[in-house]
């Protein structure tokens, strides 16, 4: 069985690391091994308690050429079931797809799903002013998470959700009052089943194919 690779993306400070902590805690299946790769230098860290849920190592890198070589070493050393990649929203996803398409990785990993985390208060402005960075991530994501909705009124939230739906009509959109709300957000929406996101399992987008189609 191929190793499932999940990408968590969004701008610095959007809540990616906190989401990863919650995702691991809520989706962990007994006995599985998880590698977390952080292509990001945010303030938050993978929590100590998260390490009890199958995380075998946390690897930090910003050089894609080095990551391409190191990832196979990590796989050989730890034999993980899952790899979760925290991906900076100002990088180019194509660089990551190129690694996944290499012969070395093609038969052992599966780019399974992409999560986009956005700060609700700033997201509309970011899309308007930095859409060239953000829109590809939103378009390719299976799940969009609106974080820090406690700082917004209903009209603002509705407006941002409409923007996201116009960019990616097929993605699921979830809301979190703040990063402390991620765990309950995942549980209450009942999106998990045996460690997998059941709704996305039925409706997983082939993100690499969609990305190539857009490039062409």
N, C-alpha and C. Protein backbone atom coordinates (compact mmCIF):
# COMPACT_ATOMS: atom_id res chain seq x y z
N UNK A 1 0.84 -1.20 0.00
CA UNK A 1 0.00 0.00 0.00
C UNK A 1 0.88 1.25 0.00
N UNK A 2 0.50 2.24 -0.80
CA UNK A 2 1.29 3.46 -0.89
C UNK A 2 1.15 4.31 0.37
N UNK A 3 2.20 5.08 0.63
CA UNK A 3 2.19 6.01 1.75
C UNK A 3 1.32 7.20 1.38
N UNK A 4 0.38 7.54 2.26
CA UNK A 4 -0.52 8.66 2.00
C UNK A 4 0.16 9.98 2.37
N UNK A 5 0.22 10.90 1.42
CA UNK A 5 0.83 12.21 1.66
C UNK A 5 -0.26 13.27 1.70
N UNK A 6 -0.30 14.01 2.82
CA UNK A 6 -1.27 15.08 3.00
C UNK A 6 -0.54 16.42 3.09
N UNK A 7 -1.05 17.41 2.39
CA UNK A 7 -0.42 18.74 2.37
C UNK A 7 -1.33 19.72 3.09
N UNK A 8 -0.76 20.44 4.05
CA UNK A 8 -1.49 21.49 4.77
C UNK A 8 -0.86 22.81 4.39
N UNK A 9 -1.62 23.67 3.73
CA UNK A 9 -1.05 24.90 3.22
C UNK A 9 -1.83 26.14 3.66
N UNK A 10 -1.25 27.30 3.41
CA UNK A 10 -1.82 28.58 3.82
C UNK A 10 -0.69 29.52 4.18
N UNK A 11 -1.00 30.79 4.32
CA UNK A 11 0.03 31.78 4.65
C UNK A 11 0.55 31.58 6.07
N UNK A 12 1.72 32.15 6.35
CA UNK A 12 2.31 32.13 7.68
C UNK A 12 1.32 32.73 8.69
N UNK A 13 1.10 32.00 9.79
CA UNK A 13 0.20 32.50 10.83
C UNK A 13 -1.26 32.15 10.63
N UNK A 14 -1.57 31.36 9.59
CA UNK A 14 -2.98 31.03 9.33
C UNK A 14 -3.51 29.93 10.24
N UNK A 15 -2.59 29.17 10.86
CA UNK A 15 -3.02 28.10 11.76
C UNK A 15 -2.67 26.71 11.28
N UNK A 16 -1.72 26.60 10.35
CA UNK A 16 -1.38 25.30 9.76
C UNK A 16 -0.87 24.30 10.80
N UNK A 17 0.09 24.74 11.62
CA UNK A 17 0.67 23.82 12.62
C UNK A 17 -0.38 23.37 13.62
N UNK A 18 -1.22 24.29 14.06
CA UNK A 18 -2.29 23.93 15.01
C UNK A 18 -3.26 22.94 14.37
N UNK A 19 -3.55 23.14 13.09
CA UNK A 19 -4.44 22.22 12.39
C UNK A 19 -3.81 20.83 12.31
N UNK A 20 -2.50 20.78 12.04
CA UNK A 20 -1.80 19.48 11.97
C UNK A 20 -1.88 18.77 13.32
N UNK A 21 -1.67 19.52 14.41
CA UNK A 21 -1.78 18.92 15.75
C UNK A 21 -3.15 18.27 15.94
N UNK A 22 -4.20 18.99 15.55
CA UNK A 22 -5.57 18.48 15.71
C UNK A 22 -5.85 17.33 14.76
N UNK A 23 -5.39 17.46 13.52
CA UNK A 23 -5.62 16.43 12.51
C UNK A 23 -5.02 15.10 12.95
N UNK A 24 -3.78 15.15 13.44
CA UNK A 24 -3.12 13.92 13.89
C UNK A 24 -3.87 13.32 15.08
N UNK A 25 -4.21 14.15 16.04
CA UNK A 25 -4.90 13.66 17.24
C UNK A 25 -6.24 13.03 16.90
N UNK A 26 -6.99 13.65 16.01
CA UNK A 26 -8.35 13.19 15.72
C UNK A 26 -8.39 12.06 14.68
N UNK A 27 -7.33 11.92 13.87
CA UNK A 27 -7.38 10.92 12.80
C UNK A 27 -6.45 9.74 13.02
N UNK A 28 -5.70 9.77 14.11
CA UNK A 28 -4.71 8.71 14.36
C UNK A 28 -5.37 7.34 14.49
N UNK A 29 -4.80 6.38 13.80
CA UNK A 29 -5.22 4.98 13.90
C UNK A 29 -4.14 4.22 14.65
N UNK A 30 -4.54 3.44 15.62
CA UNK A 30 -3.60 2.74 16.49
C UNK A 30 -2.56 1.97 15.68
N UNK A 31 -1.29 2.24 15.98
CA UNK A 31 -0.19 1.51 15.34
C UNK A 31 0.41 2.19 14.12
N UNK A 32 -0.24 3.23 13.58
CA UNK A 32 0.31 3.86 12.38
C UNK A 32 1.49 4.79 12.73
N UNK A 33 2.35 5.00 11.73
CA UNK A 33 3.51 5.87 11.89
C UNK A 33 3.40 7.06 10.94
N UNK A 34 3.67 8.24 11.47
CA UNK A 34 3.49 9.48 10.71
C UNK A 34 4.77 10.29 10.71
N UNK A 35 5.17 10.75 9.54
CA UNK A 35 6.27 11.71 9.42
C UNK A 35 5.66 13.09 9.16
N UNK A 36 6.11 14.09 9.89
CA UNK A 36 5.69 15.47 9.64
C UNK A 36 6.86 16.23 9.04
N UNK A 37 6.66 16.79 7.86
CA UNK A 37 7.69 17.60 7.20
C UNK A 37 7.21 19.04 7.19
N UNK A 38 7.99 19.93 7.79
CA UNK A 38 7.60 21.34 7.87
C UNK A 38 8.43 22.18 6.92
N UNK A 39 7.80 22.64 5.84
CA UNK A 39 8.43 23.57 4.91
C UNK A 39 7.99 24.97 5.31
N UNK A 40 8.21 25.30 6.54
CA UNK A 40 7.67 26.52 7.15
C UNK A 40 8.44 26.81 8.42
N UNK A 41 8.54 28.08 8.77
CA UNK A 41 9.22 28.46 10.02
C UNK A 41 8.31 29.34 10.87
N UNK A 42 7.14 28.83 11.21
CA UNK A 42 6.20 29.58 12.04
C UNK A 42 6.54 29.49 13.52
N UNK A 43 5.79 30.22 14.33
CA UNK A 43 6.03 30.25 15.78
C UNK A 43 5.54 28.99 16.47
N UNK A 44 4.41 28.45 16.01
CA UNK A 44 3.84 27.28 16.66
C UNK A 44 4.62 26.01 16.34
N UNK A 45 4.55 25.04 17.23
CA UNK A 45 5.29 23.80 17.07
C UNK A 45 4.34 22.61 17.13
N UNK A 46 4.82 21.48 16.63
CA UNK A 46 4.09 20.24 16.83
C UNK A 46 4.14 19.95 18.32
N UNK A 47 2.98 19.84 18.96
CA UNK A 47 2.92 19.72 20.41
C UNK A 47 3.48 18.39 20.90
N UNK A 48 4.01 18.43 22.10
CA UNK A 48 4.57 17.24 22.73
C UNK A 48 3.52 16.13 22.81
N UNK A 49 2.28 16.50 23.12
CA UNK A 49 1.22 15.49 23.24
C UNK A 49 0.91 14.84 21.89
N UNK A 50 1.14 15.59 20.80
CA UNK A 50 0.90 15.05 19.47
C UNK A 50 1.87 13.92 19.15
N UNK A 51 3.07 14.00 19.74
CA UNK A 51 4.08 12.97 19.49
C UNK A 51 3.65 11.60 20.00
N UNK A 52 2.64 11.58 20.88
CA UNK A 52 2.12 10.31 21.38
C UNK A 52 1.20 9.64 20.37
N UNK A 53 0.87 10.35 19.29
CA UNK A 53 -0.06 9.81 18.29
C UNK A 53 0.66 9.40 17.01
N UNK A 54 1.70 8.59 17.15
CA UNK A 54 2.32 7.97 15.97
C UNK A 54 3.33 8.81 15.20
N UNK A 55 3.64 10.02 15.67
CA UNK A 55 4.63 10.84 14.97
C UNK A 55 6.02 10.27 15.24
N UNK A 56 6.68 9.78 14.21
CA UNK A 56 7.99 9.16 14.40
C UNK A 56 9.13 10.16 14.24
N UNK A 57 8.91 11.21 13.45
CA UNK A 57 9.93 12.26 13.33
C UNK A 57 9.32 13.52 12.74
N UNK A 58 9.95 14.65 13.05
CA UNK A 58 9.57 15.95 12.47
C UNK A 58 10.79 16.46 11.73
N UNK A 59 10.63 16.71 10.44
CA UNK A 59 11.75 17.12 9.61
C UNK A 59 11.48 18.51 9.04
N UNK A 60 12.43 19.41 9.21
CA UNK A 60 12.28 20.78 8.71
C UNK A 60 13.21 20.98 7.51
N UNK A 61 12.68 21.59 6.47
CA UNK A 61 13.47 21.81 5.25
C UNK A 61 12.88 22.97 4.46
N UNK A 62 13.72 23.67 3.72
CA UNK A 62 13.22 24.73 2.84
C UNK A 62 13.79 24.59 1.44
N UNK A 63 14.73 23.67 1.27
CA UNK A 63 15.36 23.45 -0.02
C UNK A 63 14.73 22.21 -0.68
N UNK A 64 14.04 22.42 -1.79
CA UNK A 64 13.31 21.32 -2.41
C UNK A 64 14.22 20.26 -3.00
N UNK A 65 15.38 20.68 -3.48
CA UNK A 65 16.33 19.71 -4.03
C UNK A 65 16.82 18.77 -2.92
N UNK A 66 17.09 19.34 -1.75
CA UNK A 66 17.53 18.54 -0.62
C UNK A 66 16.38 17.66 -0.12
N UNK A 67 15.17 18.23 -0.09
CA UNK A 67 14.01 17.46 0.36
C UNK A 67 13.78 16.25 -0.54
N UNK A 68 13.97 16.43 -1.84
CA UNK A 68 13.78 15.35 -2.80
C UNK A 68 14.67 14.16 -2.47
N UNK A 69 15.89 14.43 -2.01
CA UNK A 69 16.82 13.35 -1.64
C UNK A 69 16.53 12.81 -0.24
N UNK A 70 16.18 13.72 0.66
CA UNK A 70 16.01 13.33 2.06
C UNK A 70 14.74 12.54 2.31
N UNK A 71 13.70 12.80 1.53
CA UNK A 71 12.42 12.16 1.80
C UNK A 71 12.51 10.64 1.64
N UNK A 72 13.29 10.19 0.66
CA UNK A 72 13.43 8.74 0.49
C UNK A 72 14.18 8.14 1.67
N UNK A 73 15.15 8.88 2.22
CA UNK A 73 15.87 8.40 3.41
C UNK A 73 14.91 8.28 4.60
N UNK A 74 14.05 9.28 4.76
CA UNK A 74 13.08 9.26 5.86
C UNK A 74 12.13 8.07 5.73
N UNK A 75 11.70 7.81 4.49
CA UNK A 75 10.78 6.70 4.25
C UNK A 75 11.46 5.37 4.55
N UNK A 76 12.70 5.22 4.11
CA UNK A 76 13.44 3.98 4.35
C UNK A 76 13.70 3.77 5.84
N UNK A 77 13.98 4.88 6.56
CA UNK A 77 14.30 4.77 7.98
C UNK A 77 13.09 4.49 8.85
N UNK A 78 11.94 5.13 8.52
CA UNK A 78 10.79 5.05 9.43
C UNK A 78 9.61 4.23 8.91
N UNK A 79 9.59 3.90 7.62
CA UNK A 79 8.48 3.14 7.03
C UNK A 79 7.12 3.69 7.47
N UNK A 80 6.83 4.95 7.16
CA UNK A 80 5.59 5.56 7.66
C UNK A 80 4.36 5.12 6.87
N UNK A 81 3.20 5.25 7.51
CA UNK A 81 1.92 5.05 6.82
C UNK A 81 1.44 6.35 6.18
N UNK A 82 1.82 7.46 6.84
CA UNK A 82 1.39 8.79 6.36
C UNK A 82 2.55 9.77 6.43
N UNK A 83 2.54 10.73 5.52
CA UNK A 83 3.45 11.88 5.59
C UNK A 83 2.58 13.13 5.51
N UNK A 84 2.72 14.00 6.50
CA UNK A 84 1.98 15.26 6.50
C UNK A 84 2.97 16.39 6.26
N UNK A 85 2.73 17.17 5.21
CA UNK A 85 3.65 18.24 4.83
C UNK A 85 3.01 19.60 5.11
N UNK A 86 3.68 20.39 5.95
CA UNK A 86 3.24 21.77 6.19
C UNK A 86 3.91 22.65 5.14
N UNK A 87 3.10 23.22 4.27
CA UNK A 87 3.62 23.88 3.06
C UNK A 87 3.35 25.37 3.08
N UNK A 88 4.40 26.16 2.96
CA UNK A 88 4.27 27.61 2.95
C UNK A 88 3.49 28.08 1.72
N UNK A 89 2.50 28.94 1.95
CA UNK A 89 1.62 29.40 0.88
C UNK A 89 2.28 30.30 -0.14
N UNK A 90 3.53 30.68 0.08
CA UNK A 90 4.23 31.50 -0.92
C UNK A 90 5.15 30.65 -1.81
N UNK A 91 5.24 29.34 -1.52
CA UNK A 91 6.01 28.44 -2.38
C UNK A 91 5.14 28.01 -3.56
N UNK A 92 5.75 27.29 -4.49
CA UNK A 92 5.04 26.81 -5.67
C UNK A 92 4.76 25.31 -5.51
N UNK A 93 3.49 24.94 -5.55
CA UNK A 93 3.12 23.54 -5.41
C UNK A 93 3.74 22.65 -6.48
N UNK A 94 4.05 23.24 -7.62
CA UNK A 94 4.63 22.45 -8.70
C UNK A 94 5.95 21.80 -8.27
N UNK A 95 6.70 22.49 -7.40
CA UNK A 95 7.97 21.93 -6.93
C UNK A 95 7.73 20.64 -6.14
N UNK A 96 6.65 20.62 -5.37
CA UNK A 96 6.31 19.43 -4.60
C UNK A 96 5.78 18.32 -5.50
N UNK A 97 4.97 18.70 -6.49
CA UNK A 97 4.44 17.73 -7.43
C UNK A 97 5.56 17.08 -8.25
N UNK A 98 6.59 17.86 -8.56
CA UNK A 98 7.73 17.33 -9.32
C UNK A 98 8.43 16.23 -8.53
N UNK A 99 8.54 16.43 -7.20
CA UNK A 99 9.15 15.40 -6.36
C UNK A 99 8.28 14.14 -6.38
N UNK A 100 6.98 14.32 -6.20
CA UNK A 100 6.05 13.18 -6.17
C UNK A 100 6.03 12.42 -7.49
N UNK A 101 6.33 13.11 -8.59
CA UNK A 101 6.29 12.48 -9.91
C UNK A 101 7.59 11.76 -10.27
N UNK A 102 8.62 11.95 -9.46
CA UNK A 102 9.88 11.27 -9.74
C UNK A 102 9.71 9.76 -9.60
N UNK A 103 10.44 9.03 -10.43
CA UNK A 103 10.34 7.57 -10.44
C UNK A 103 10.60 6.99 -9.05
N UNK A 104 11.51 7.64 -8.31
CA UNK A 104 11.88 7.17 -6.97
C UNK A 104 10.67 7.10 -6.05
N UNK A 105 9.73 8.06 -6.22
CA UNK A 105 8.60 8.17 -5.30
C UNK A 105 7.28 7.69 -5.87
N UNK A 106 7.17 7.67 -7.19
CA UNK A 106 5.88 7.45 -7.84
C UNK A 106 5.18 6.18 -7.38
N UNK A 107 5.95 5.13 -7.14
CA UNK A 107 5.34 3.84 -6.78
C UNK A 107 5.18 3.63 -5.28
N UNK A 108 5.65 4.60 -4.47
CA UNK A 108 5.57 4.38 -3.02
C UNK A 108 4.75 5.43 -2.28
N UNK A 109 4.48 6.59 -2.92
CA UNK A 109 3.66 7.60 -2.24
C UNK A 109 2.46 7.98 -3.09
N UNK A 110 1.43 8.43 -2.42
CA UNK A 110 0.23 8.89 -3.10
C UNK A 110 -0.15 10.25 -2.54
N UNK A 111 -0.15 11.29 -3.40
CA UNK A 111 -0.56 12.62 -2.96
C UNK A 111 -2.05 12.56 -2.72
N UNK A 112 -2.43 12.39 -1.47
CA UNK A 112 -3.79 11.99 -1.13
C UNK A 112 -4.77 13.16 -1.03
N UNK A 113 -4.37 14.23 -0.30
CA UNK A 113 -5.30 15.34 -0.13
C UNK A 113 -4.55 16.62 0.26
N UNK A 114 -5.20 17.72 -0.02
CA UNK A 114 -4.63 19.04 0.29
C UNK A 114 -5.63 19.82 1.12
N UNK A 115 -5.14 20.37 2.24
CA UNK A 115 -5.97 21.21 3.10
C UNK A 115 -5.45 22.66 3.00
N UNK A 116 -6.36 23.58 2.88
CA UNK A 116 -5.98 25.00 2.88
C UNK A 116 -6.56 25.65 4.14
N UNK A 117 -5.68 26.31 4.92
CA UNK A 117 -6.11 27.00 6.13
C UNK A 117 -5.98 28.50 5.91
N UNK A 118 -7.04 29.25 6.15
CA UNK A 118 -7.00 30.69 5.94
C UNK A 118 -7.59 31.46 7.11
N UNK A 119 -6.99 32.59 7.42
CA UNK A 119 -7.53 33.47 8.45
C UNK A 119 -8.70 34.24 7.84
N UNK A 120 -9.88 34.04 8.38
CA UNK A 120 -11.10 34.57 7.77
C UNK A 120 -11.08 36.09 7.63
N UNK A 121 -10.54 36.77 8.62
CA UNK A 121 -10.54 38.23 8.62
C UNK A 121 -9.72 38.79 7.46
N UNK A 122 -8.62 38.13 7.13
CA UNK A 122 -7.71 38.66 6.13
C UNK A 122 -7.81 38.00 4.76
N UNK A 123 -8.55 36.90 4.68
CA UNK A 123 -8.52 36.09 3.47
C UNK A 123 -9.03 36.81 2.22
N UNK A 124 -10.10 37.56 2.37
CA UNK A 124 -10.66 38.28 1.23
C UNK A 124 -9.63 39.26 0.65
N UNK A 125 -8.97 39.99 1.53
CA UNK A 125 -7.95 40.96 1.12
C UNK A 125 -6.76 40.25 0.48
N UNK A 126 -6.38 39.12 1.05
CA UNK A 126 -5.25 38.36 0.49
C UNK A 126 -5.56 37.85 -0.91
N UNK A 127 -6.78 37.35 -1.12
CA UNK A 127 -7.17 36.85 -2.44
C UNK A 127 -7.15 37.99 -3.45
N UNK A 128 -7.64 39.15 -3.04
CA UNK A 128 -7.69 40.30 -3.94
C UNK A 128 -6.30 40.82 -4.31
N UNK A 129 -5.39 40.82 -3.32
CA UNK A 129 -4.07 41.42 -3.54
C UNK A 129 -2.96 40.43 -3.86
N UNK A 130 -3.15 39.17 -3.44
CA UNK A 130 -2.10 38.17 -3.66
C UNK A 130 -2.67 36.89 -4.22
N UNK A 131 -3.67 37.06 -5.08
CA UNK A 131 -4.35 35.91 -5.65
C UNK A 131 -3.44 34.99 -6.43
N UNK A 132 -2.38 35.54 -7.02
CA UNK A 132 -1.46 34.70 -7.80
C UNK A 132 -0.78 33.65 -6.93
N UNK A 133 -0.61 33.95 -5.62
CA UNK A 133 -0.06 32.98 -4.69
C UNK A 133 -1.14 32.04 -4.17
N UNK A 134 -2.27 32.63 -3.73
CA UNK A 134 -3.27 31.87 -2.98
C UNK A 134 -4.21 31.04 -3.83
N UNK A 135 -4.66 31.59 -4.95
CA UNK A 135 -5.72 30.93 -5.71
C UNK A 135 -5.38 29.50 -6.14
N UNK A 136 -4.14 29.22 -6.61
CA UNK A 136 -3.82 27.82 -6.97
C UNK A 136 -4.00 26.86 -5.80
N UNK A 137 -3.65 27.28 -4.58
CA UNK A 137 -3.81 26.40 -3.42
C UNK A 137 -5.28 26.15 -3.13
N UNK A 138 -6.08 27.21 -3.22
CA UNK A 138 -7.53 27.08 -2.97
C UNK A 138 -8.16 26.18 -4.03
N UNK A 139 -7.76 26.37 -5.30
CA UNK A 139 -8.32 25.59 -6.40
C UNK A 139 -8.03 24.10 -6.26
N UNK A 140 -6.87 23.76 -5.72
CA UNK A 140 -6.44 22.37 -5.68
C UNK A 140 -6.78 21.65 -4.38
N UNK A 141 -7.31 22.38 -3.40
CA UNK A 141 -7.55 21.79 -2.09
C UNK A 141 -8.84 20.98 -2.04
N UNK A 142 -8.81 19.91 -1.24
CA UNK A 142 -10.00 19.11 -1.00
C UNK A 142 -10.83 19.68 0.15
N UNK A 143 -10.13 20.31 1.10
CA UNK A 143 -10.80 20.86 2.27
C UNK A 143 -10.26 22.26 2.55
N UNK A 144 -11.17 23.23 2.71
CA UNK A 144 -10.82 24.61 3.02
C UNK A 144 -11.29 24.91 4.44
N UNK A 145 -10.39 25.41 5.27
CA UNK A 145 -10.73 25.70 6.67
C UNK A 145 -10.66 27.20 6.90
N UNK A 146 -11.77 27.79 7.32
CA UNK A 146 -11.81 29.20 7.70
C UNK A 146 -11.50 29.30 9.19
N UNK A 147 -10.34 29.85 9.51
CA UNK A 147 -9.90 29.95 10.89
C UNK A 147 -10.23 31.34 11.46
N UNK A 148 -10.31 31.43 12.78
CA UNK A 148 -10.55 32.70 13.50
C UNK A 148 -11.85 33.40 13.08
N UNK A 149 -12.90 32.61 12.90
CA UNK A 149 -14.19 33.22 12.55
C UNK A 149 -14.77 34.06 13.70
N UNK A 150 -14.24 33.86 14.91
CA UNK A 150 -14.72 34.65 16.05
C UNK A 150 -14.45 36.13 15.87
N UNK A 151 -13.51 36.46 14.99
CA UNK A 151 -13.17 37.87 14.74
C UNK A 151 -14.00 38.49 13.63
N UNK A 152 -14.98 37.74 13.11
CA UNK A 152 -15.78 38.20 11.97
C UNK A 152 -17.27 38.10 12.27
N UNK A 153 -18.05 38.94 11.59
CA UNK A 153 -19.49 38.82 11.71
C UNK A 153 -20.00 37.86 10.62
N UNK A 154 -21.28 37.52 10.70
CA UNK A 154 -21.85 36.54 9.77
C UNK A 154 -21.74 36.98 8.31
N UNK A 155 -21.91 38.27 8.08
CA UNK A 155 -21.83 38.80 6.71
C UNK A 155 -20.42 38.61 6.14
N UNK A 156 -19.41 38.87 6.95
CA UNK A 156 -18.03 38.70 6.50
C UNK A 156 -17.73 37.24 6.19
N UNK A 157 -18.19 36.35 7.07
CA UNK A 157 -17.96 34.91 6.86
C UNK A 157 -18.66 34.45 5.58
N UNK A 158 -19.89 34.87 5.39
CA UNK A 158 -20.66 34.52 4.20
C UNK A 158 -19.95 34.99 2.93
N UNK A 159 -19.42 36.21 2.96
CA UNK A 159 -18.72 36.78 1.81
C UNK A 159 -17.47 35.97 1.47
N UNK A 160 -16.68 35.60 2.49
CA UNK A 160 -15.45 34.83 2.26
C UNK A 160 -15.79 33.44 1.73
N UNK A 161 -16.84 32.82 2.27
CA UNK A 161 -17.24 31.49 1.81
C UNK A 161 -17.66 31.52 0.34
N UNK A 162 -18.32 32.58 -0.06
CA UNK A 162 -18.72 32.72 -1.46
C UNK A 162 -17.52 32.84 -2.38
N UNK A 163 -16.51 33.58 -1.91
CA UNK A 163 -15.28 33.72 -2.69
C UNK A 163 -14.63 32.36 -2.89
N UNK A 164 -14.56 31.58 -1.81
CA UNK A 164 -13.94 30.26 -1.88
C UNK A 164 -14.74 29.32 -2.78
N UNK A 165 -16.06 29.37 -2.68
CA UNK A 165 -16.91 28.51 -3.50
C UNK A 165 -16.77 28.83 -4.98
N UNK A 166 -16.59 30.11 -5.29
CA UNK A 166 -16.40 30.51 -6.68
C UNK A 166 -15.07 30.02 -7.23
N UNK A 167 -14.06 29.99 -6.37
CA UNK A 167 -12.74 29.53 -6.79
C UNK A 167 -12.69 28.01 -6.89
N UNK A 168 -13.32 27.33 -5.89
CA UNK A 168 -13.29 25.87 -5.85
C UNK A 168 -14.65 25.34 -5.39
N UNK A 169 -15.58 25.15 -6.32
CA UNK A 169 -16.94 24.72 -5.97
C UNK A 169 -17.02 23.33 -5.35
N UNK A 170 -16.02 22.48 -5.59
CA UNK A 170 -16.10 21.09 -5.14
C UNK A 170 -15.49 20.85 -3.76
N UNK A 171 -14.79 21.83 -3.23
CA UNK A 171 -14.12 21.64 -1.93
C UNK A 171 -15.12 21.72 -0.78
N UNK A 172 -14.79 21.03 0.32
CA UNK A 172 -15.56 21.16 1.55
C UNK A 172 -15.01 22.34 2.32
N UNK A 173 -15.91 23.12 2.91
CA UNK A 173 -15.50 24.29 3.70
C UNK A 173 -15.95 24.09 5.14
N UNK A 174 -14.99 24.19 6.07
CA UNK A 174 -15.29 24.10 7.50
C UNK A 174 -14.87 25.39 8.18
N UNK A 175 -15.50 25.70 9.30
CA UNK A 175 -15.22 26.92 10.05
C UNK A 175 -14.72 26.60 11.45
N UNK A 176 -13.75 27.40 11.91
CA UNK A 176 -13.24 27.26 13.27
C UNK A 176 -13.19 28.64 13.92
N UNK A 177 -13.70 28.74 15.14
CA UNK A 177 -13.67 30.03 15.85
C UNK A 177 -12.23 30.50 16.03
N UNK A 178 -11.35 29.56 16.37
CA UNK A 178 -9.92 29.83 16.50
C UNK A 178 -9.21 28.48 16.49
N UNK A 179 -7.88 28.49 16.67
CA UNK A 179 -7.13 27.23 16.58
C UNK A 179 -7.52 26.24 17.66
N UNK A 180 -8.04 26.75 18.80
CA UNK A 180 -8.47 25.84 19.87
C UNK A 180 -9.72 25.07 19.47
N UNK A 181 -10.36 25.51 18.40
CA UNK A 181 -11.62 24.93 17.95
C UNK A 181 -11.41 23.83 16.90
N UNK A 182 -10.16 23.62 16.46
CA UNK A 182 -9.91 22.66 15.39
C UNK A 182 -10.34 21.24 15.75
N UNK A 183 -10.02 20.79 16.97
CA UNK A 183 -10.37 19.43 17.36
C UNK A 183 -11.87 19.19 17.29
N UNK A 184 -12.64 20.09 17.91
CA UNK A 184 -14.10 19.93 17.91
C UNK A 184 -14.67 20.11 16.51
N UNK A 185 -14.05 20.99 15.70
CA UNK A 185 -14.51 21.19 14.32
C UNK A 185 -14.43 19.87 13.55
N UNK A 186 -13.32 19.17 13.71
CA UNK A 186 -13.13 17.90 13.01
C UNK A 186 -14.12 16.86 13.51
N UNK A 187 -14.27 16.78 14.85
CA UNK A 187 -15.18 15.78 15.44
C UNK A 187 -16.63 16.05 15.09
N UNK A 188 -17.06 17.29 15.29
CA UNK A 188 -18.49 17.62 15.14
C UNK A 188 -18.97 17.52 13.70
N UNK A 189 -18.07 17.69 12.74
CA UNK A 189 -18.47 17.56 11.34
C UNK A 189 -18.43 16.12 10.86
N UNK A 190 -18.00 15.22 11.76
CA UNK A 190 -18.01 13.78 11.49
C UNK A 190 -17.36 13.45 10.15
N UNK A 191 -16.19 14.06 9.92
CA UNK A 191 -15.53 13.84 8.63
C UNK A 191 -14.53 12.68 8.70
N UNK A 192 -14.35 12.10 9.89
CA UNK A 192 -13.36 11.03 10.04
C UNK A 192 -14.02 9.67 10.22
N UNK A 193 -13.38 8.67 9.62
CA UNK A 193 -13.83 7.29 9.77
C UNK A 193 -12.60 6.40 9.65
N UNK A 194 -12.25 5.71 10.74
CA UNK A 194 -11.06 4.86 10.76
C UNK A 194 -9.80 5.62 10.33
N UNK A 195 -9.71 6.87 10.77
CA UNK A 195 -8.51 7.65 10.50
C UNK A 195 -8.51 8.35 9.16
N UNK A 196 -9.48 8.04 8.30
CA UNK A 196 -9.54 8.69 7.00
C UNK A 196 -10.68 9.70 6.99
N UNK A 197 -10.54 10.73 6.18
CA UNK A 197 -11.62 11.69 6.04
C UNK A 197 -12.62 11.11 5.05
N UNK A 198 -13.71 10.59 5.58
CA UNK A 198 -14.61 9.75 4.77
C UNK A 198 -15.22 10.52 3.60
N UNK A 199 -15.61 11.78 3.81
CA UNK A 199 -16.21 12.54 2.71
C UNK A 199 -15.21 12.75 1.60
N UNK A 200 -13.96 13.02 1.98
CA UNK A 200 -12.94 13.27 0.97
C UNK A 200 -12.51 11.99 0.29
N UNK A 201 -12.63 10.87 1.01
CA UNK A 201 -12.24 9.59 0.41
C UNK A 201 -13.15 9.28 -0.77
N UNK A 202 -14.40 9.68 -0.66
CA UNK A 202 -15.35 9.46 -1.74
C UNK A 202 -15.11 10.46 -2.87
N UNK A 203 -14.59 11.61 -2.52
CA UNK A 203 -14.54 12.71 -3.47
C UNK A 203 -13.14 13.34 -3.51
N UNK A 204 -12.12 12.51 -3.55
CA UNK A 204 -10.76 13.05 -3.60
C UNK A 204 -10.46 13.54 -5.02
N UNK A 205 -9.98 14.79 -5.12
CA UNK A 205 -9.60 15.34 -6.41
C UNK A 205 -8.21 14.87 -6.79
N UNK A 206 -8.00 14.63 -8.07
CA UNK A 206 -6.66 14.33 -8.54
C UNK A 206 -5.96 15.66 -8.73
N UNK A 207 -5.34 16.15 -7.66
CA UNK A 207 -4.80 17.50 -7.65
C UNK A 207 -3.67 17.70 -8.65
N UNK A 208 -2.83 16.68 -8.80
CA UNK A 208 -1.72 16.82 -9.74
C UNK A 208 -2.25 16.95 -11.16
N UNK A 209 -3.27 16.17 -11.49
CA UNK A 209 -3.84 16.23 -12.84
C UNK A 209 -4.48 17.59 -13.08
N UNK A 210 -5.22 18.08 -12.10
CA UNK A 210 -5.87 19.39 -12.23
C UNK A 210 -4.84 20.49 -12.36
N UNK A 211 -3.74 20.35 -11.62
CA UNK A 211 -2.68 21.35 -11.67
C UNK A 211 -2.06 21.39 -13.07
N UNK A 212 -1.79 20.21 -13.64
CA UNK A 212 -1.19 20.16 -14.97
C UNK A 212 -2.13 20.73 -16.02
N UNK A 213 -3.42 20.44 -15.88
CA UNK A 213 -4.39 20.96 -16.83
C UNK A 213 -4.40 22.48 -16.81
N UNK A 214 -4.29 23.07 -15.60
CA UNK A 214 -4.30 24.52 -15.47
C UNK A 214 -3.04 25.13 -16.08
N UNK A 215 -1.90 24.44 -15.89
CA UNK A 215 -0.64 24.94 -16.42
C UNK A 215 -0.66 24.96 -17.94
N UNK A 216 -1.36 23.98 -18.52
CA UNK A 216 -1.44 23.89 -19.98
C UNK A 216 -2.44 24.89 -20.54
